[in-house]
């Protein structure tokens, strides 16, 4: 097995761990909505109120599909439709306090999950782990950790 294959196997093992961590942290959200619906909350939390068309594009779905998804989020009290102050013809999707609270709850759970894992790392190896994660995130196009939305992963 060559170096790239070994690195791929190690990255896949780490990604399985990170996906498991993300799913565990999302448990409160997944009790009341789908992953795609939660993704809308994360996008709006990170970017502020957004146009429906922009959200549909970010999710890779048709605008009419997004409209039905948004209807369910509005009915659940997670988002609200807002008039765009720049263009009265456009409608924005914004978080309600309940939507913001849910995103924060998941982010807090995810942070605790990460802390739990990092506590298991030998103190002299933490910097190496963090450097590797940063390099991997940059190579994946995720930007600096400070630039990442709280989803994660989009997750």
C-alpha atoms as a PDB file:
ATOM      1  CA  UNK A   1       0.000   0.000   0.000  1.00  0.00           C
ATOM      2  CA  UNK A   2       1.427   3.389  -0.974  1.00  0.00           C
ATOM      3  CA  UNK A   3       1.549   6.533   1.147  1.00  0.00           C
ATOM      4  CA  UNK A   4      -1.531   8.116  -0.443  1.00  0.00           C
ATOM      5  CA  UNK A   5      -3.593   4.960   0.136  1.00  0.00           C
ATOM      6  CA  UNK A   6      -2.522   4.852   3.814  1.00  0.00           C
ATOM      7  CA  UNK A   7      -3.353   8.548   4.201  1.00  0.00           C
ATOM      8  CA  UNK A   8      -6.726   7.972   2.543  1.00  0.00           C
ATOM      9  CA  UNK A   9      -7.546   5.145   4.958  1.00  0.00           C
ATOM     10  CA  UNK A  10      -6.566   7.302   7.934  1.00  0.00           C
ATOM     11  CA  UNK A  11      -8.603  10.252   6.636  1.00  0.00           C
ATOM     12  CA  UNK A  12     -11.620   7.990   6.102  1.00  0.00           C
ATOM     13  CA  UNK A  13     -11.329   6.674   9.668  1.00  0.00           C
ATOM     14  CA  UNK A  14     -11.144  10.245  10.977  1.00  0.00           C
ATOM     15  CA  UNK A  15     -14.087  11.292   8.808  1.00  0.00           C
ATOM     16  CA  UNK A  16     -16.191   8.419  10.186  1.00  0.00           C
ATOM     17  CA  UNK A  17     -15.373   9.644  13.695  1.00  0.00           C
ATOM     18  CA  UNK A  18     -16.248  13.238  12.777  1.00  0.00           C
ATOM     19  CA  UNK A  19     -19.509  12.230  11.098  1.00  0.00           C
ATOM     20  CA  UNK A  20     -20.473  10.221  14.180  1.00  0.00           C
ATOM     21  CA  UNK A  21     -19.654  13.216  16.357  1.00  0.00           C
ATOM     22  CA  UNK A  22     -21.708  15.505  14.118  1.00  0.00           C
ATOM     23  CA  UNK A  23     -24.703  13.169  14.102  1.00  0.00           C
ATOM     24  CA  UNK A  24     -24.631  12.800  17.892  1.00  0.00           C
ATOM     25  CA  UNK A  25     -24.496  16.568  18.293  1.00  0.00           C
ATOM     26  CA  UNK A  26     -27.444  17.003  15.923  1.00  0.00           C
ATOM     27  CA  UNK A  27     -29.728  14.652  17.881  1.00  0.00           C
ATOM     28  CA  UNK A  28     -31.956  17.467  19.233  1.00  0.00           C
ATOM     29  CA  UNK A  29     -32.450  18.889  15.745  1.00  0.00           C
ATOM     30  CA  UNK A  30     -33.053  15.526  14.086  1.00  0.00           C
ATOM     31  CA  UNK A  31     -35.894  14.835  16.515  1.00  0.00           C
ATOM     32  CA  UNK A  32     -37.862  17.721  14.984  1.00  0.00           C
ATOM     33  CA  UNK A  33     -36.573  18.144  11.421  1.00  0.00           C
ATOM     34  CA  UNK A  34     -34.586  16.618   8.577  1.00  0.00           C
ATOM     35  CA  UNK A  35     -30.878  17.181   8.003  1.00  0.00           C
ATOM     36  CA  UNK A  36     -31.710  19.367   4.995  1.00  0.00           C
ATOM     37  CA  UNK A  37     -34.052  21.519   7.062  1.00  0.00           C
ATOM     38  CA  UNK A  38     -31.385  21.874   9.749  1.00  0.00           C
ATOM     39  CA  UNK A  39     -28.897  22.860   7.059  1.00  0.00           C
ATOM     40  CA  UNK A  40     -31.175  25.812   6.207  1.00  0.00           C
ATOM     41  CA  UNK A  41     -31.017  26.961   9.828  1.00  0.00           C
ATOM     42  CA  UNK A  42     -27.221  26.759   9.790  1.00  0.00           C
ATOM     43  CA  UNK A  43     -26.918  28.679   6.525  1.00  0.00           C
ATOM     44  CA  UNK A  44     -29.217  31.448   7.751  1.00  0.00           C
ATOM     45  CA  UNK A  45     -27.480  31.526  11.130  1.00  0.00           C
ATOM     46  CA  UNK A  46     -24.102  31.937   9.417  1.00  0.00           C
ATOM     47  CA  UNK A  47     -25.188  34.425   6.747  1.00  0.00           C
ATOM     48  CA  UNK A  48     -28.151  36.232   8.213  1.00  0.00           C
ATOM     49  CA  UNK A  49     -31.505  36.417   6.437  1.00  0.00           C
ATOM     50  CA  UNK A  50     -31.143  35.062   2.903  1.00  0.00           C
ATOM     51  CA  UNK A  51     -33.110  34.993  -0.316  1.00  0.00           C
ATOM     52  CA  UNK A  52     -35.040  31.763  -0.881  1.00  0.00           C
ATOM     53  CA  UNK A  53     -33.371  31.311  -4.266  1.00  0.00           C
ATOM     54  CA  UNK A  54     -29.911  31.577  -2.718  1.00  0.00           C
ATOM     55  CA  UNK A  55     -30.813  28.995  -0.101  1.00  0.00           C
ATOM     56  CA  UNK A  56     -32.236  26.643  -2.731  1.00  0.00           C
ATOM     57  CA  UNK A  57     -29.032  26.982  -4.727  1.00  0.00           C
ATOM     58  CA  UNK A  58     -26.863  26.355  -1.661  1.00  0.00           C
ATOM     59  CA  UNK A  59     -28.839  23.176  -0.973  1.00  0.00           C
ATOM     60  CA  UNK A  60     -28.768  22.104  -4.614  1.00  0.00           C
ATOM     61  CA  UNK A  61     -32.550  21.906  -4.877  1.00  0.00           C
ATOM     62  CA  UNK A  62     -35.208  23.517  -7.070  1.00  0.00           C
ATOM     63  CA  UNK A  63     -36.821  26.719  -5.805  1.00  0.00           C
ATOM     64  CA  UNK A  64     -40.272  25.079  -5.562  1.00  0.00           C
ATOM     65  CA  UNK A  65     -38.813  22.268  -3.451  1.00  0.00           C
ATOM     66  CA  UNK A  66     -37.188  24.844  -1.207  1.00  0.00           C
ATOM     67  CA  UNK A  67     -40.486  26.700  -0.884  1.00  0.00           C
ATOM     68  CA  UNK A  68     -42.160  23.567   0.543  1.00  0.00           C
ATOM     69  CA  UNK A  69     -39.185  22.990   2.846  1.00  0.00           C
ATOM     70  CA  UNK A  70     -39.390  26.600   4.055  1.00  0.00           C
ATOM     71  CA  UNK A  71     -43.145  26.242   4.607  1.00  0.00           C
ATOM     72  CA  UNK A  72     -42.458  23.363   7.018  1.00  0.00           C
ATOM     73  CA  UNK A  73     -39.772  25.377   8.841  1.00  0.00           C
ATOM     74  CA  UNK A  74     -42.098  28.375   9.140  1.00  0.00           C
ATOM     75  CA  UNK A  75     -44.908  26.134  10.423  1.00  0.00           C
ATOM     76  CA  UNK A  76     -42.503  24.681  12.997  1.00  0.00           C
ATOM     77  CA  UNK A  77     -41.540  28.142  14.205  1.00  0.00           C
ATOM     78  CA  UNK A  78     -37.862  27.775  13.180  1.00  0.00           C
ATOM     79  CA  UNK A  79     -37.703  30.456  10.464  1.00  0.00           C
ATOM     80  CA  UNK A  80     -39.777  33.395   9.312  1.00  0.00           C
ATOM     81  CA  UNK A  81     -40.258  35.059   5.971  1.00  0.00           C
ATOM     82  CA  UNK A  82     -39.153  38.677   5.944  1.00  0.00           C
ATOM     83  CA  UNK A  83     -39.557  41.502   3.460  1.00  0.00           C
ATOM     84  CA  UNK A  84     -36.237  42.411   1.841  1.00  0.00           C
ATOM     85  CA  UNK A  85     -35.599  46.087   2.678  1.00  0.00           C
ATOM     86  CA  UNK A  86     -33.589  46.405  -0.557  1.00  0.00           C
ATOM     87  CA  UNK A  87     -36.280  44.936  -2.804  1.00  0.00           C
ATOM     88  CA  UNK A  88     -39.882  44.667  -1.670  1.00  0.00           C
ATOM     89  CA  UNK A  89     -40.488  41.957  -4.280  1.00  0.00           C
ATOM     90  CA  UNK A  90     -37.998  39.616  -2.653  1.00  0.00           C
ATOM     91  CA  UNK A  91     -38.643  37.548   0.420  1.00  0.00           C
ATOM     92  CA  UNK A  92     -35.875  36.662   2.833  1.00  0.00           C
ATOM     93  CA  UNK A  93     -35.741  33.703   5.179  1.00  0.00           C
ATOM     94  CA  UNK A  94     -34.578  34.565   8.696  1.00  0.00           C
ATOM     95  CA  UNK A  95     -34.197  32.603  11.905  1.00  0.00           C
ATOM     96  CA  UNK A  96     -36.666  32.894  14.725  1.00  0.00           C
ATOM     97  CA  UNK A  97     -35.348  32.858  18.288  1.00  0.00           C
ATOM     98  CA  UNK A  98     -36.296  29.148  18.447  1.00  0.00           C
ATOM     99  CA  UNK A  99     -34.289  28.438  15.277  1.00  0.00           C
ATOM    100  CA  UNK A 100     -31.279  30.311  16.618  1.00  0.00           C
ATOM    101  CA  UNK A 101     -31.528  28.468  19.946  1.00  0.00           C
ATOM    102  CA  UNK A 102     -31.587  25.105  18.185  1.00  0.00           C
ATOM    103  CA  UNK A 103     -28.486  25.936  16.122  1.00  0.00           C
ATOM    104  CA  UNK A 104     -26.709  27.120  19.272  1.00  0.00           C
ATOM    105  CA  UNK A 105     -27.731  23.987  21.159  1.00  0.00           C
ATOM    106  CA  UNK A 106     -26.300  21.766  18.421  1.00  0.00           C
ATOM    107  CA  UNK A 107     -23.117  23.871  18.224  1.00  0.00           C
ATOM    108  CA  UNK A 108     -22.664  23.597  21.985  1.00  0.00           C
ATOM    109  CA  UNK A 109     -23.171  19.812  21.882  1.00  0.00           C
ATOM    110  CA  UNK A 110     -20.717  19.531  18.986  1.00  0.00           C
ATOM    111  CA  UNK A 111     -18.111  21.598  20.822  1.00  0.00           C
ATOM    112  CA  UNK A 112     -18.477  19.347  23.869  1.00  0.00           C
ATOM    113  CA  UNK A 113     -18.120  16.243  21.681  1.00  0.00           C
ATOM    114  CA  UNK A 114     -14.910  17.675  20.201  1.00  0.00           C
ATOM    115  CA  UNK A 115     -13.600  18.544  23.671  1.00  0.00           C
ATOM    116  CA  UNK A 116     -14.339  15.002  24.811  1.00  0.00           C
ATOM    117  CA  UNK A 117     -12.252  13.597  21.963  1.00  0.00           C
ATOM    118  CA  UNK A 118      -9.417  16.104  22.385  1.00  0.00           C
ATOM    119  CA  UNK A 119      -9.168  15.259  26.099  1.00  0.00           C
ATOM    120  CA  UNK A 120      -8.179  11.745  24.993  1.00  0.00           C
ATOM    121  CA  UNK A 121      -5.297  13.074  22.890  1.00  0.00           C
ATOM    122  CA  UNK A 122      -1.931  13.183  24.619  1.00  0.00           C
ATOM    123  CA  UNK A 123      -1.109  16.832  25.456  1.00  0.00           C
ATOM    124  CA  UNK A 124       2.066  16.736  23.374  1.00  0.00           C
ATOM    125  CA  UNK A 125       0.039  15.591  20.325  1.00  0.00           C
ATOM    126  CA  UNK A 126      -2.804  18.153  20.418  1.00  0.00           C
ATOM    127  CA  UNK A 127      -0.910  20.719  18.313  1.00  0.00           C
ATOM    128  CA  UNK A 128      -0.155  18.044  15.705  1.00  0.00           C
ATOM    129  CA  UNK A 129      -3.807  16.977  15.547  1.00  0.00           C
ATOM    130  CA  UNK A 130      -4.992  20.571  15.185  1.00  0.00           C
ATOM    131  CA  UNK A 131      -2.407  21.355  12.510  1.00  0.00           C
ATOM    132  CA  UNK A 132      -3.464  18.274  10.545  1.00  0.00           C
ATOM    133  CA  UNK A 133      -7.147  19.165  10.802  1.00  0.00           C
ATOM    134  CA  UNK A 134      -6.456  22.718   9.651  1.00  0.00           C
ATOM    135  CA  UNK A 135      -4.415  21.563   6.652  1.00  0.00           C
ATOM    136  CA  UNK A 136      -7.097  19.038   5.726  1.00  0.00           C
ATOM    137  CA  UNK A 137      -9.899  21.615   6.042  1.00  0.00           C
ATOM    138  CA  UNK A 138      -7.983  24.083   3.870  1.00  0.00           C
ATOM    139  CA  UNK A 139      -7.289  21.414   1.240  1.00  0.00           C
ATOM    140  CA  UNK A 140     -11.002  20.559   1.237  1.00  0.00           C
ATOM    141  CA  UNK A 141     -11.845  24.200   0.571  1.00  0.00           C
ATOM    142  CA  UNK A 142     -13.315  24.864   4.005  1.00  0.00           C
ATOM    143  CA  UNK A 143     -11.162  27.884   4.796  1.00  0.00           C
ATOM    144  CA  UNK A 144      -9.731  28.712   8.172  1.00  0.00           C
ATOM    145  CA  UNK A 145     -11.544  27.254  11.168  1.00  0.00           C
ATOM    146  CA  UNK A 146     -12.589  30.767  12.186  1.00  0.00           C
ATOM    147  CA  UNK A 147     -14.436  31.110   8.891  1.00  0.00           C
ATOM    148  CA  UNK A 148     -16.482  27.926   9.236  1.00  0.00           C
ATOM    149  CA  UNK A 149     -20.177  28.178  10.007  1.00  0.00           C
ATOM    150  CA  UNK A 150     -21.266  26.429  13.166  1.00  0.00           C
ATOM    151  CA  UNK A 151     -22.494  23.432  11.191  1.00  0.00           C
ATOM    152  CA  UNK A 152     -20.650  22.149  10.540  1.00  0.00           C
ATOM    153  CA  UNK A 153     -20.118  19.818   8.121  1.00  0.00           C
ATOM    154  CA  UNK A 154     -22.209  20.264   7.080  1.00  0.00           C
ATOM    155  CA  UNK A 155     -23.386  18.389   9.017  1.00  0.00           C
END
